Amino acid sequence: MKAQVFALVGFLASASLLQAESLIVTPQPVTDWKAVYAQIEAQTRLPARARLGGTLVSLDAVEGDRVEAGQVLARVVDDKLDLRLRAIDAQLQSLQSQLDNAKAELERGEALLQRGVTTVQRLDALRTQVDVLNGQLDATRAERSVIVQQAAEGDVLAPIAGLVLTVPVAAGAVVMPGEAVATIGGGGFFLRLAIPERHARALREGDEIRIDGADDGATGRLARIYPQIENGRVIADVAVEGLAEAFVDARVLVRLAVGQRSALLVPETAVTTRAGLDFVTVEGAQQGERAVMLGQRHEQGNVVLREILSGLAEGETVVLK
């Protein structure tokens, strides 16, 4: 569906229309535009979640901040992890002492075996004890590494680069694993529309969308139409260049083309208004002023056209001023 409001054939080009003295009224195709509200949405909206349960000791993010992916937003501390680390360090120290003693016993056993004082079975038992203690040390070190990693996961990281939308917690709060500390919106911003389902078949991806109230005449493009209808409405996304990102979920009035029809159009300059009534001058057998009812305004280049709802018939000639 093209973005032009209407298409006029030949004689309705702006320059020739302004120079003409009269116009034969014929039906012209016009596009119907529907005004709806759209919301500014982030392409991706992800929560920054706590990976560790504990107390939120610091919070460095507030609504509206720009963050990078992987940036530390907050820190969660679980005091029990420090106690577990102390217990494991003590256990490692005890195992290391047992291992040193077992190694010393093994060395003495090897010396005694050379003098024939001890047996091979006794020596094998000492070697087994050393191997068991080495295994216990390795397992305890691995357990300590797990706790150290858990403590490092107290940093709450931004999942994507973008804008901090919400921060539902405060420093000093107790958070659970998986609880959202902040919500990040990123990946670009777009407009989301909810359009009555009766217009669904008139929508096409790539259609031009007008942004009402934009000083620079900004327009968007219908980027995606979702197939599922929710509450009698079709959901669609509109891509807009340079869309303002200051307020996510802000409502913006837009207009989209929902169909075409035929209408009688005359230049607005051919219409005279007196005492609240609109008149056009007609040539022919019934020459003179004719009261008409006006409809929507349409623009093409520098020419402003008005729909004639009643008062004129197809084929009549209107005098242009």
C-alpha atoms as a PDB file:
ATOM      1  CA  MET A   1       0.000   0.000   0.000  1.00  0.00           C
ATOM      2  CA  LYS A   2       1.584   3.265  -1.078  1.00  0.00           C
ATOM      3  CA  ALA A   3       2.095   6.164   1.274  1.00  0.00           C
ATOM      4  CA  GLN A   4       0.398   8.809  -0.902  1.00  0.00           C
ATOM      5  CA  VAL A   5      -2.948   9.942   0.364  1.00  0.00           C
ATOM      6  CA  PHE A   6      -4.426   9.841  -3.140  1.00  0.00           C
ATOM      7  CA  ALA A   7      -3.489   9.472  -6.808  1.00  0.00           C
ATOM      8  CA  LEU A   8      -4.655  11.982  -9.390  1.00  0.00           C
ATOM      9  CA  VAL A   9      -4.304  11.380 -13.099  1.00  0.00           C
ATOM     10  CA  GLY A  10      -2.516  13.891 -15.357  1.00  0.00           C
ATOM     11  CA  PHE A  11      -4.380  17.153 -14.869  1.00  0.00           C
ATOM     12  CA  LEU A  12      -4.219  17.002 -11.056  1.00  0.00           C
ATOM     13  CA  ALA A  13      -0.478  17.652 -10.855  1.00  0.00           C
ATOM     14  CA  SER A  14       0.119  20.600  -8.584  1.00  0.00           C
ATOM     15  CA  ALA A  15       1.527  23.073 -11.111  1.00  0.00           C
ATOM     16  CA  SER A  16      -1.089  22.499 -13.812  1.00  0.00           C
ATOM     17  CA  LEU A  17      -3.898  22.488 -11.239  1.00  0.00           C
ATOM     18  CA  LEU A  18      -2.934  25.897  -9.917  1.00  0.00           C
ATOM     19  CA  GLN A  19      -2.797  27.326 -13.471  1.00  0.00           C
ATOM     20  CA  ALA A  20      -6.118  25.808 -14.620  1.00  0.00           C
ATOM     21  CA  GLU A  21      -9.305  27.908 -14.619  1.00  0.00           C
ATOM     22  CA  SER A  22     -11.790  25.075 -14.132  1.00  0.00           C
ATOM     23  CA  LEU A  23     -11.886  21.427 -13.116  1.00  0.00           C
ATOM     24  CA  ILE A  24     -14.184  18.604 -14.160  1.00  0.00           C
ATOM     25  CA  VAL A  25     -15.040  16.694 -10.998  1.00  0.00           C
ATOM     26  CA  THR A  26     -14.364  12.966 -11.306  1.00  0.00           C
ATOM     27  CA  PRO A  27     -13.974  10.283  -8.608  1.00  0.00           C
ATOM     28  CA  GLN A  28     -10.391   9.903  -7.469  1.00  0.00           C
ATOM     29  CA  PRO A  29      -8.884   7.155  -5.306  1.00  0.00           C
ATOM     30  CA  VAL A  30      -8.022   8.246  -1.764  1.00  0.00           C
ATOM     31  CA  THR A  31      -6.473   6.337   1.117  1.00  0.00           C
ATOM     32  CA  ASP A  32      -8.216   6.059   4.460  1.00  0.00           C
ATOM     33  CA  TRP A  33      -5.972   6.667   7.461  1.00  0.00           C
ATOM     34  CA  LYS A  34      -6.789   5.478  10.951  1.00  0.00           C
ATOM     35  CA  ALA A  35      -5.434   7.222  14.021  1.00  0.00           C
ATOM     36  CA  VAL A  36      -4.277   4.878  16.790  1.00  0.00           C
ATOM     37  CA  TYR A  37      -1.963   5.163  19.761  1.00  0.00           C
ATOM     38  CA  ALA A  38       1.317   3.284  19.741  1.00  0.00           C
ATOM     39  CA  GLN A  39       3.697   2.628  22.626  1.00  0.00           C
ATOM     40  CA  ILE A  40       7.456   3.055  22.535  1.00  0.00           C
ATOM     41  CA  GLU A  41       8.912  -0.371  23.280  1.00  0.00           C
ATOM     42  CA  ALA A  42      12.430  -1.729  23.638  1.00  0.00           C
ATOM     43  CA  GLN A  43      13.397  -4.404  21.137  1.00  0.00           C
ATOM     44  CA  THR A  44      14.761  -6.542  23.977  1.00  0.00           C
ATOM     45  CA  ARG A  45      13.709  -6.238  27.602  1.00  0.00           C
ATOM     46  CA  LEU A  46      15.684  -8.458  29.993  1.00  0.00           C
ATOM     47  CA  PRO A  47      15.883  -8.552  33.799  1.00  0.00           C
ATOM     48  CA  ALA A  48      19.258  -8.404  35.536  1.00  0.00           C
ATOM     49  CA  ARG A  49      18.804 -11.194  38.071  1.00  0.00           C
ATOM     50  CA  ALA A  50      20.638 -12.044  41.264  1.00  0.00           C
ATOM     51  CA  ARG A  51      22.503 -15.325  40.898  1.00  0.00           C
ATOM     52  CA  LEU A  52      23.076 -15.567  44.644  1.00  0.00           C
ATOM     53  CA  GLY A  53      20.696 -15.265  47.561  1.00  0.00           C
ATOM     54  CA  GLY A  54      21.696 -12.847  50.299  1.00  0.00           C
ATOM     55  CA  THR A  55      21.803  -9.173  51.238  1.00  0.00           C
ATOM     56  CA  LEU A  56      22.033  -6.459  48.577  1.00  0.00           C
ATOM     57  CA  VAL A  57      24.992  -4.495  49.952  1.00  0.00           C
ATOM     58  CA  SER A  58      25.389  -2.106  46.998  1.00  0.00           C
ATOM     59  CA  LEU A  59      23.206  -0.890  44.145  1.00  0.00           C
ATOM     60  CA  ASP A  60      24.829   1.226  41.430  1.00  0.00           C
ATOM     61  CA  ALA A  61      21.955   1.444  38.934  1.00  0.00           C
ATOM     62  CA  VAL A  62      19.014   3.844  38.817  1.00  0.00           C
ATOM     63  CA  GLU A  63      16.216   4.250  36.304  1.00  0.00           C
ATOM     64  CA  GLY A  64      17.389   5.990  33.156  1.00  0.00           C
ATOM     65  CA  ASP A  65      21.054   4.949  33.374  1.00  0.00           C
ATOM     66  CA  ARG A  66      22.855   3.777  30.246  1.00  0.00           C
ATOM     67  CA  VAL A  67      24.701   0.524  30.889  1.00  0.00           C
ATOM     68  CA  GLU A  68      26.955  -1.810  28.928  1.00  0.00           C
ATOM     69  CA  ALA A  69      26.640  -5.575  28.696  1.00  0.00           C
ATOM     70  CA  GLY A  70      28.409  -7.194  31.652  1.00  0.00           C
ATOM     71  CA  GLN A  71      28.503  -4.006  33.732  1.00  0.00           C
ATOM     72  CA  VAL A  72      28.154  -4.582  37.492  1.00  0.00           C
ATOM     73  CA  LEU A  73      24.848  -3.113  38.636  1.00  0.00           C
ATOM     74  CA  ALA A  74      24.710  -4.388  42.218  1.00  0.00           C
ATOM     75  CA  ARG A  75      26.383  -6.769  44.652  1.00  0.00           C
ATOM     76  CA  VAL A  76      24.802  -9.466  46.795  1.00  0.00           C
ATOM     77  CA  VAL A  77      26.662 -10.907  49.789  1.00  0.00           C
ATOM     78  CA  ASP A  78      25.877 -14.143  51.629  1.00  0.00           C
ATOM     79  CA  ASP A  79      27.720 -14.192  54.969  1.00  0.00           C
ATOM     80  CA  LYS A  80      27.403 -17.971  55.195  1.00  0.00           C
ATOM     81  CA  LEU A  81      29.856 -18.347  52.313  1.00  0.00           C
ATOM     82  CA  ASP A  82      32.646 -16.740  54.338  1.00  0.00           C
ATOM     83  CA  LEU A  83      31.989 -19.170  57.201  1.00  0.00           C
ATOM     84  CA  ARG A  84      32.071 -22.104  54.790  1.00  0.00           C
ATOM     85  CA  LEU A  85      35.356 -20.865  53.333  1.00  0.00           C
ATOM     86  CA  ARG A  86      36.880 -20.677  56.808  1.00  0.00           C
ATOM     87  CA  ALA A  87      35.719 -24.200  57.580  1.00  0.00           C
ATOM     88  CA  ILE A  88      37.166 -25.546  54.332  1.00  0.00           C
ATOM     89  CA  ASP A  89      40.463 -23.713  54.869  1.00  0.00           C
ATOM     90  CA  ALA A  90      40.737 -25.342  58.308  1.00  0.00           C
ATOM     91  CA  GLN A  91      39.909 -28.710  56.762  1.00  0.00           C
ATOM     92  CA  LEU A  92      42.581 -28.194  54.098  1.00  0.00           C
ATOM     93  CA  GLN A  93      45.129 -27.346  56.778  1.00  0.00           C
ATOM     94  CA  SER A  94      44.229 -30.504  58.711  1.00  0.00           C
ATOM     95  CA  LEU A  95      44.440 -32.711  55.626  1.00  0.00           C
ATOM     96  CA  GLN A  96      47.768 -31.178  54.644  1.00  0.00           C
ATOM     97  CA  SER A  97      49.167 -31.991  58.102  1.00  0.00           C
ATOM     98  CA  GLN A  98      47.895 -35.569  57.838  1.00  0.00           C
ATOM     99  CA  LEU A  99      49.435 -35.853  54.371  1.00  0.00           C
ATOM    100  CA  ASP A 100      52.821 -34.575  55.590  1.00  0.00           C
ATOM    101  CA  ASN A 101      52.756 -37.114  58.440  1.00  0.00           C
ATOM    102  CA  ALA A 102      51.740 -39.941  56.083  1.00  0.00           C
ATOM    103  CA  LYS A 103      54.576 -39.063  53.712  1.00  0.00           C
ATOM    104  CA  ALA A 104      57.031 -39.110  56.618  1.00  0.00           C
ATOM    105  CA  GLU A 105      55.696 -42.508  57.720  1.00  0.00           C
ATOM    106  CA  LEU A 106      56.081 -43.773  54.146  1.00  0.00           C
ATOM    107  CA  GLU A 107      59.711 -42.632  54.010  1.00  0.00           C
ATOM    108  CA  ARG A 108      60.474 -44.384  57.323  1.00  0.00           C
ATOM    109  CA  GLY A 109      58.689 -47.508  56.100  1.00  0.00           C
ATOM    110  CA  GLU A 110      60.799 -47.597  52.949  1.00  0.00           C
ATOM    111  CA  ALA A 111      63.979 -47.284  55.054  1.00  0.00           C
ATOM    112  CA  LEU A 112      62.836 -50.047  57.421  1.00  0.00           C
ATOM    113  CA  LEU A 113      61.943 -52.289  54.477  1.00  0.00           C
ATOM    114  CA  GLN A 114      65.495 -51.979  53.163  1.00  0.00           C
ATOM    115  CA  ARG A 115      66.784 -53.211  56.549  1.00  0.00           C
ATOM    116  CA  GLY A 116      64.182 -55.979  56.617  1.00  0.00           C
ATOM    117  CA  VAL A 117      62.474 -54.634  59.729  1.00  0.00           C
ATOM    118  CA  THR A 118      58.982 -54.075  58.186  1.00  0.00           C
ATOM    119  CA  THR A 119      56.864 -55.861  55.609  1.00  0.00           C
ATOM    120  CA  VAL A 120      55.796 -54.979  52.048  1.00  0.00           C
ATOM    121  CA  GLN A 121      52.134 -55.074  53.106  1.00  0.00           C
ATOM    122  CA  ARG A 122      52.795 -52.380  55.716  1.00  0.00           C
ATOM    123  CA  LEU A 123      54.540 -50.247  53.093  1.00  0.00           C
ATOM    124  CA  ASP A 124      51.610 -50.659  50.667  1.00  0.00           C
ATOM    125  CA  ALA A 125      49.191 -49.521  53.375  1.00  0.00           C
ATOM    126  CA  LEU A 126      51.277 -46.374  53.927  1.00  0.00           C
ATOM    127  CA  ARG A 127      51.298 -45.617  50.176  1.00  0.00           C
ATOM    128  CA  THR A 128      47.509 -46.074  50.055  1.00  0.00           C
ATOM    129  CA  GLN A 129      47.065 -43.682  52.961  1.00  0.00           C
ATOM    130  CA  VAL A 130      49.127 -41.028  51.133  1.00  0.00           C
ATOM    131  CA  ASP A 131      47.050 -41.473  47.956  1.00  0.00           C
ATOM    132  CA  VAL A 132      43.774 -41.197  49.915  1.00  0.00           C
ATOM    133  CA  LEU A 133      44.880 -38.000  51.600  1.00  0.00           C
ATOM    134  CA  ASN A 134      45.958 -36.509  48.249  1.00  0.00           C
ATOM    135  CA  GLY A 135      42.500 -37.309  46.854  1.00  0.00           C
ATOM    136  CA  GLN A 136      40.784 -35.740  49.840  1.00  0.00           C
ATOM    137  CA  LEU A 137      42.888 -32.605  49.421  1.00  0.00           C
ATOM    138  CA  ASP A 138      41.963 -32.333  45.731  1.00  0.00           C
ATOM    139  CA  ALA A 139      38.250 -32.788  46.491  1.00  0.00           C
ATOM    140  CA  THR A 140      38.351 -30.188  49.266  1.00  0.00           C
ATOM    141  CA  ARG A 141      40.167 -27.691  47.023  1.00  0.00           C
ATOM    142  CA  ALA A 142      37.510 -28.217  44.327  1.00  0.00           C
ATOM    143  CA  GLU A 143      34.779 -27.624  46.918  1.00  0.00           C
ATOM    144  CA  ARG A 144      36.513 -24.424  47.951  1.00  0.00           C
ATOM    145  CA  SER A 145      36.637 -23.284  44.309  1.00  0.00           C
ATOM    146  CA  VAL A 146      32.871 -23.808  44.068  1.00  0.00           C
ATOM    147  CA  ILE A 147      32.270 -21.593  47.096  1.00  0.00           C
ATOM    148  CA  VAL A 148      34.642 -18.932  45.730  1.00  0.00           C
ATOM    149  CA  GLN A 149      32.697 -18.983  42.459  1.00  0.00           C
ATOM    150  CA  GLN A 150      29.420 -18.658  44.335  1.00  0.00           C
ATOM    151  CA  ALA A 151      30.759 -15.605  46.145  1.00  0.00           C
ATOM    152  CA  ALA A 152      31.871 -14.093  42.809  1.00  0.00           C
ATOM    153  CA  GLU A 153      28.346 -14.572  41.468  1.00  0.00           C
ATOM    154  CA  GLY A 154      27.167 -12.023  43.996  1.00  0.00           C
ATOM    155  CA  ASP A 155      27.859  -9.405  41.294  1.00  0.00           C
ATOM    156  CA  VAL A 156      24.636  -8.626  39.417  1.00  0.00           C
ATOM    157  CA  LEU A 157      25.588  -8.010  35.767  1.00  0.00           C
ATOM    158  CA  ALA A 158      23.720  -6.206  33.010  1.00  0.00           C
ATOM    159  CA  PRO A 159      22.609  -8.880  30.497  1.00  0.00           C
ATOM    160  CA  ILE A 160      22.635  -6.461  27.531  1.00  0.00           C
ATOM    161  CA  ALA A 161      23.675  -2.921  26.721  1.00  0.00           C
ATOM    162  CA  GLY A 162      20.822  -0.460  26.981  1.00  0.00           C
ATOM    163  CA  LEU A 163      18.685   1.666  29.252  1.00  0.00           C
ATOM    164  CA  VAL A 164      17.771   0.826  32.854  1.00  0.00           C
ATOM    165  CA  LEU A 165      13.961   0.797  32.858  1.00  0.00           C
ATOM    166  CA  THR A 166      13.086  -0.327  36.380  1.00  0.00           C
ATOM    167  CA  VAL A 167      14.920  -0.972  39.673  1.00  0.00           C
ATOM    168  CA  PRO A 168      12.415  -2.703  41.981  1.00  0.00           C
ATOM    169  CA  VAL A 169      14.793  -3.181  44.944  1.00  0.00           C
ATOM    170  CA  ALA A 170      16.928  -1.011  47.217  1.00  0.00           C
ATOM    171  CA  ALA A 171      20.286  -1.446  48.905  1.00  0.00           C
ATOM    172  CA  GLY A 172      19.982  -3.446  52.110  1.00  0.00           C
ATOM    173  CA  ALA A 173      17.158  -5.631  50.810  1.00  0.00           C
ATOM    174  CA  VAL A 174      17.308  -9.424  51.036  1.00  0.00           C
ATOM    175  CA  VAL A 175      17.067 -11.019  47.588  1.00  0.00           C
ATOM    176  CA  MET A 176      16.559 -14.600  46.481  1.00  0.00           C
ATOM    177  CA  PRO A 177      18.427 -16.391  43.689  1.00  0.00           C
ATOM    178  CA  GLY A 178      16.830 -15.444  40.367  1.00  0.00           C
ATOM    179  CA  GLU A 179      15.138 -12.306  41.705  1.00  0.00           C
ATOM    180  CA  ALA A 180      15.208  -9.314  39.316  1.00  0.00           C
ATOM    181  CA  VAL A 181      17.311  -6.414  40.571  1.00  0.00           C
ATOM    182  CA  ALA A 182      16.824  -4.239  37.456  1.00  0.00           C
ATOM    183  CA  THR A 183      15.214  -4.413  34.025  1.00  0.00           C
ATOM    184  CA  ILE A 184      17.277  -3.426  30.983  1.00  0.00           C
ATOM    185  CA  GLY A 185      15.801  -2.359  27.640  1.00  0.00           C
ATOM    186  CA  GLY A 186      18.093  -2.525  24.636  1.00  0.00           C
ATOM    187  CA  GLY A 187      18.572  -3.662  21.076  1.00  0.00           C
ATOM    188  CA  GLY A 188      16.877  -0.537  19.675  1.00  0.00           C
ATOM    189  CA  PHE A 189      13.421   0.938  20.162  1.00  0.00           C
ATOM    190  CA  PHE A 190      10.239   0.737  18.093  1.00  0.00           C
ATOM    191  CA  LEU A 191       6.530   1.536  18.242  1.00  0.00           C
ATOM    192  CA  ARG A 192       4.002  -1.194  19.048  1.00  0.00           C
ATOM    193  CA  LEU A 193       0.455  -0.846  17.732  1.00  0.00           C
ATOM    194  CA  ALA A 194      -2.793  -2.550  18.710  1.00  0.00           C
ATOM    195  CA  ILE A 195      -5.130  -2.271  15.699  1.00  0.00           C
ATOM    196  CA  PRO A 196      -8.786  -3.424  15.544  1.00  0.00           C
ATOM    197  CA  GLU A 197      -8.978  -6.800  13.827  1.00  0.00           C
ATOM    198  CA  ARG A 198     -11.353  -5.541  11.129  1.00  0.00           C
ATOM    199  CA  HIS A 199      -8.355  -3.739   9.606  1.00  0.00           C
ATOM    200  CA  ALA A 200      -6.058  -6.776   9.761  1.00  0.00           C
ATOM    201  CA  ARG A 201      -6.329  -7.730   6.071  1.00  0.00           C
ATOM    202  CA  ALA A 202      -5.523  -4.165   4.971  1.00  0.00           C
ATOM    203  CA  LEU A 203      -2.143  -4.198   6.723  1.00  0.00           C
ATOM    204  CA  ARG A 204       1.038  -5.078   4.866  1.00  0.00           C
ATOM    205  CA  GLU A 205       4.585  -5.223   6.131  1.00  0.00           C
ATOM    206  CA  GLY A 206       6.479  -2.254   4.723  1.00  0.00           C
ATOM    207  CA  ASP A 207       3.482   0.121   4.802  1.00  0.00           C
ATOM    208  CA  GLU A 208       4.294   3.712   5.707  1.00  0.00           C
ATOM    209  CA  ILE A 209       3.082   4.971   9.081  1.00  0.00           C
ATOM    210  CA  ARG A 210       2.679   8.674   9.873  1.00  0.00           C
ATOM    211  CA  ILE A 211       3.789   9.983  13.259  1.00  0.00           C
ATOM    212  CA  ASP A 212       1.384  12.714  14.393  1.00  0.00           C
ATOM    213  CA  GLY A 213       2.910  15.693  16.154  1.00  0.00           C
ATOM    214  CA  ALA A 214       6.380  15.130  14.687  1.00  0.00           C
ATOM    215  CA  ASP A 215       7.825  18.501  13.708  1.00  0.00           C
ATOM    216  CA  ASP A 216      10.015  17.007  11.005  1.00  0.00           C
ATOM    217  CA  GLY A 217       7.205  14.992   9.430  1.00  0.00           C
ATOM    218  CA  ALA A 218       8.685  11.729  10.668  1.00  0.00           C
ATOM    219  CA  THR A 219       7.291   8.510   9.283  1.00  0.00           C
ATOM    220  CA  GLY A 220       7.788   4.876  10.159  1.00  0.00           C
ATOM    221  CA  ARG A 221       7.575   1.519   8.432  1.00  0.00           C
ATOM    222  CA  LEU A 222       5.369  -1.389   9.452  1.00  0.00           C
ATOM    223  CA  ALA A 223       8.106  -3.894  10.288  1.00  0.00           C
ATOM    224  CA  ARG A 224       6.180  -6.859  11.728  1.00  0.00           C
ATOM    225  CA  ILE A 225       2.580  -8.016  12.013  1.00  0.00           C
ATOM    226  CA  TYR A 226       1.938 -10.682  14.642  1.00  0.00           C
ATOM    227  CA  PRO A 227      -0.439 -13.480  13.580  1.00  0.00           C
ATOM    228  CA  GLN A 228      -2.193 -13.894  16.927  1.00  0.00           C
ATOM    229  CA  ILE A 229      -5.119 -11.569  17.634  1.00  0.00           C
ATOM    230  CA  GLU A 230      -5.418 -10.496  21.274  1.00  0.00           C
ATOM    231  CA  ASN A 231      -8.682  -9.065  22.630  1.00  0.00           C
ATOM    232  CA  GLY A 232      -9.905  -8.286  19.138  1.00  0.00           C
ATOM    233  CA  ARG A 233      -6.749  -6.419  18.152  1.00  0.00           C
ATOM    234  CA  VAL A 234      -3.834  -7.114  15.834  1.00  0.00           C
ATOM    235  CA  ILE A 235      -0.384  -6.383  17.278  1.00  0.00           C
ATOM    236  CA  ALA A 236       2.158  -4.791  14.932  1.00  0.00           C
ATOM    237  CA  ASP A 237       5.604  -3.210  15.279  1.00  0.00           C
ATOM    238  CA  VAL A 238       6.685  -0.017  13.543  1.00  0.00           C
ATOM    239  CA  ALA A 239      10.333   0.844  12.878  1.00  0.00           C
ATOM    240  CA  VAL A 240      11.055   4.580  13.163  1.00  0.00           C
ATOM    241  CA  GLU A 241      14.379   6.269  12.447  1.00  0.00           C
ATOM    242  CA  GLY A 242      15.648   8.346  15.373  1.00  0.00           C
ATOM    243  CA  LEU A 243      12.809   7.380  17.703  1.00  0.00           C
ATOM    244  CA  ALA A 244      13.040   9.230  21.034  1.00  0.00           C
ATOM    245  CA  GLU A 245      14.123   6.845  23.800  1.00  0.00           C
ATOM    246  CA  ALA A 246      13.679   9.114  26.811  1.00  0.00           C
ATOM    247  CA  PHE A 247      10.372   7.536  27.881  1.00  0.00           C
ATOM    248  CA  VAL A 248       9.741   3.852  27.243  1.00  0.00           C
ATOM    249  CA  ASP A 249       6.029   2.888  27.122  1.00  0.00           C
ATOM    250  CA  ALA A 250       5.154   6.479  26.183  1.00  0.00           C
ATOM    251  CA  ARG A 251       2.103   6.690  23.904  1.00  0.00           C
ATOM    252  CA  VAL A 252       2.465   8.251  20.448  1.00  0.00           C
ATOM    253  CA  LEU A 253      -0.400   9.038  18.065  1.00  0.00           C
ATOM    254  CA  VAL A 254       0.196   7.516  14.628  1.00  0.00           C
ATOM    255  CA  ARG A 255      -1.847   7.124  11.462  1.00  0.00           C
ATOM    256  CA  LEU A 256      -1.812   4.073   9.246  1.00  0.00           C
ATOM    257  CA  ALA A 257      -3.446   3.326   5.923  1.00  0.00           C
ATOM    258  CA  VAL A 258      -6.361   0.888   6.285  1.00  0.00           C
ATOM    259  CA  GLY A 259      -7.979   1.008   2.837  1.00  0.00           C
ATOM    260  CA  GLN A 260      -8.779   2.914  -0.338  1.00  0.00           C
ATOM    261  CA  ARG A 261     -11.976   4.399  -1.707  1.00  0.00           C
ATOM    262  CA  SER A 262     -13.175   6.846  -4.374  1.00  0.00           C
ATOM    263  CA  ALA A 263     -14.085  10.457  -3.603  1.00  0.00           C
ATOM    264  CA  LEU A 264     -14.813  13.740  -5.366  1.00  0.00           C
ATOM    265  CA  LEU A 265     -11.956  16.178  -4.747  1.00  0.00           C
ATOM    266  CA  VAL A 266     -11.646  19.904  -5.427  1.00  0.00           C
ATOM    267  CA  PRO A 267      -8.888  22.361  -4.490  1.00  0.00           C
ATOM    268  CA  GLU A 268      -9.506  24.092  -1.188  1.00  0.00           C
ATOM    269  CA  THR A 269      -9.006  27.452  -2.907  1.00  0.00           C
ATOM    270  CA  ALA A 270     -12.169  26.790  -4.953  1.00  0.00           C
ATOM    271  CA  VAL A 271     -14.274  26.711  -1.764  1.00  0.00           C
ATOM    272  CA  THR A 272     -15.816  29.888  -0.294  1.00  0.00           C
ATOM    273  CA  THR A 273     -17.200  29.940   3.256  1.00  0.00           C
ATOM    274  CA  ARG A 274     -19.941  32.355   4.271  1.00  0.00           C
ATOM    275  CA  ALA A 275     -22.187  32.284   7.337  1.00  0.00           C
ATOM    276  CA  GLY A 276     -20.951  28.831   8.242  1.00  0.00           C
ATOM    277  CA  LEU A 277     -21.774  27.373   4.807  1.00  0.00           C
ATOM    278  CA  ASP A 278     -19.338  26.229   2.108  1.00  0.00           C
ATOM    279  CA  PHE A 279     -19.862  27.104  -1.567  1.00  0.00           C
ATOM    280  CA  VAL A 280     -18.216  26.271  -4.893  1.00  0.00           C
ATOM    281  CA  THR A 281     -18.858  27.927  -8.254  1.00  0.00           C
ATOM    282  CA  VAL A 282     -20.182  25.535 -10.908  1.00  0.00           C
ATOM    283  CA  GLU A 283     -20.180  26.076 -14.709  1.00  0.00           C
ATOM    284  CA  GLY A 284     -22.778  24.737 -17.153  1.00  0.00           C
ATOM    285  CA  ALA A 285     -26.554  24.696 -17.271  1.00  0.00           C
ATOM    286  CA  GLN A 286     -26.794  25.258 -13.516  1.00  0.00           C
ATOM    287  CA  GLN A 287     -24.015  27.825 -13.364  1.00  0.00           C
ATOM    288  CA  GLY A 288     -23.617  29.636 -10.067  1.00  0.00           C
ATOM    289  CA  GLU A 289     -22.653  28.989  -6.486  1.00  0.00           C
ATOM    290  CA  ARG A 290     -23.524  25.616  -5.027  1.00  0.00           C
ATOM    291  CA  ALA A 291     -23.640  24.799  -1.307  1.00  0.00           C
ATOM    292  CA  VAL A 292     -21.556  21.721  -0.566  1.00  0.00           C
ATOM    293  CA  MET A 293     -20.643  19.588   2.432  1.00  0.00           C
ATOM    294  CA  LEU A 294     -16.890  19.170   2.872  1.00  0.00           C
ATOM    295  CA  GLY A 295     -15.041  16.104   4.058  1.00  0.00           C
ATOM    296  CA  GLN A 296     -11.406  15.366   4.803  1.00  0.00           C
ATOM    297  CA  ARG A 297      -8.440  17.446   3.687  1.00  0.00           C
ATOM    298  CA  HIS A 298      -5.778  15.876   1.490  1.00  0.00           C
ATOM    299  CA  GLU A 299      -2.465  17.282   0.359  1.00  0.00           C
ATOM    300  CA  GLN A 300      -0.409  16.706  -2.760  1.00  0.00           C
ATOM    301  CA  GLY A 301       2.682  18.831  -3.046  1.00  0.00           C
ATOM    302  CA  ASN A 302       1.564  22.427  -2.572  1.00  0.00           C
ATOM    303  CA  VAL A 303      -2.094  21.741  -3.357  1.00  0.00           C
ATOM    304  CA  VAL A 304      -4.658  21.197  -0.596  1.00  0.00           C
ATOM    305  CA  LEU A 305      -7.753  19.281  -1.722  1.00  0.00           C
ATOM    306  CA  ARG A 306     -11.092  18.812   0.019  1.00  0.00           C
ATOM    307  CA  GLU A 307     -13.525  15.945  -0.326  1.00  0.00           C
ATOM    308  CA  ILE A 308     -17.031  16.853  -1.454  1.00  0.00           C
ATOM    309  CA  LEU A 309     -19.541  14.705   0.433  1.00  0.00           C
ATOM    310  CA  SER A 310     -22.664  16.258  -1.084  1.00  0.00           C
ATOM    311  CA  GLY A 311     -23.683  19.138  -3.359  1.00  0.00           C
ATOM    312  CA  LEU A 312     -21.669  18.116  -6.438  1.00  0.00           C
ATOM    313  CA  ALA A 313     -22.085  15.289  -8.929  1.00  0.00           C
ATOM    314  CA  GLU A 314     -19.566  13.495 -11.085  1.00  0.00           C
ATOM    315  CA  GLY A 315     -18.865  15.296 -14.368  1.00  0.00           C
ATOM    316  CA  GLU A 316     -19.741  18.811 -13.176  1.00  0.00           C
ATOM    317  CA  THR A 317     -17.240  21.596 -13.789  1.00  0.00           C
ATOM    318  CA  VAL A 318     -15.959  23.675 -10.862  1.00  0.00           C
ATOM    319  CA  VAL A 319     -14.486  27.138 -11.372  1.00  0.00           C
ATOM    320  CA  LEU A 320     -11.035  27.496  -9.800  1.00  0.00           C
ATOM    321  CA  LYS A 321      -9.915  30.770  -8.251  1.00  0.00           C
END
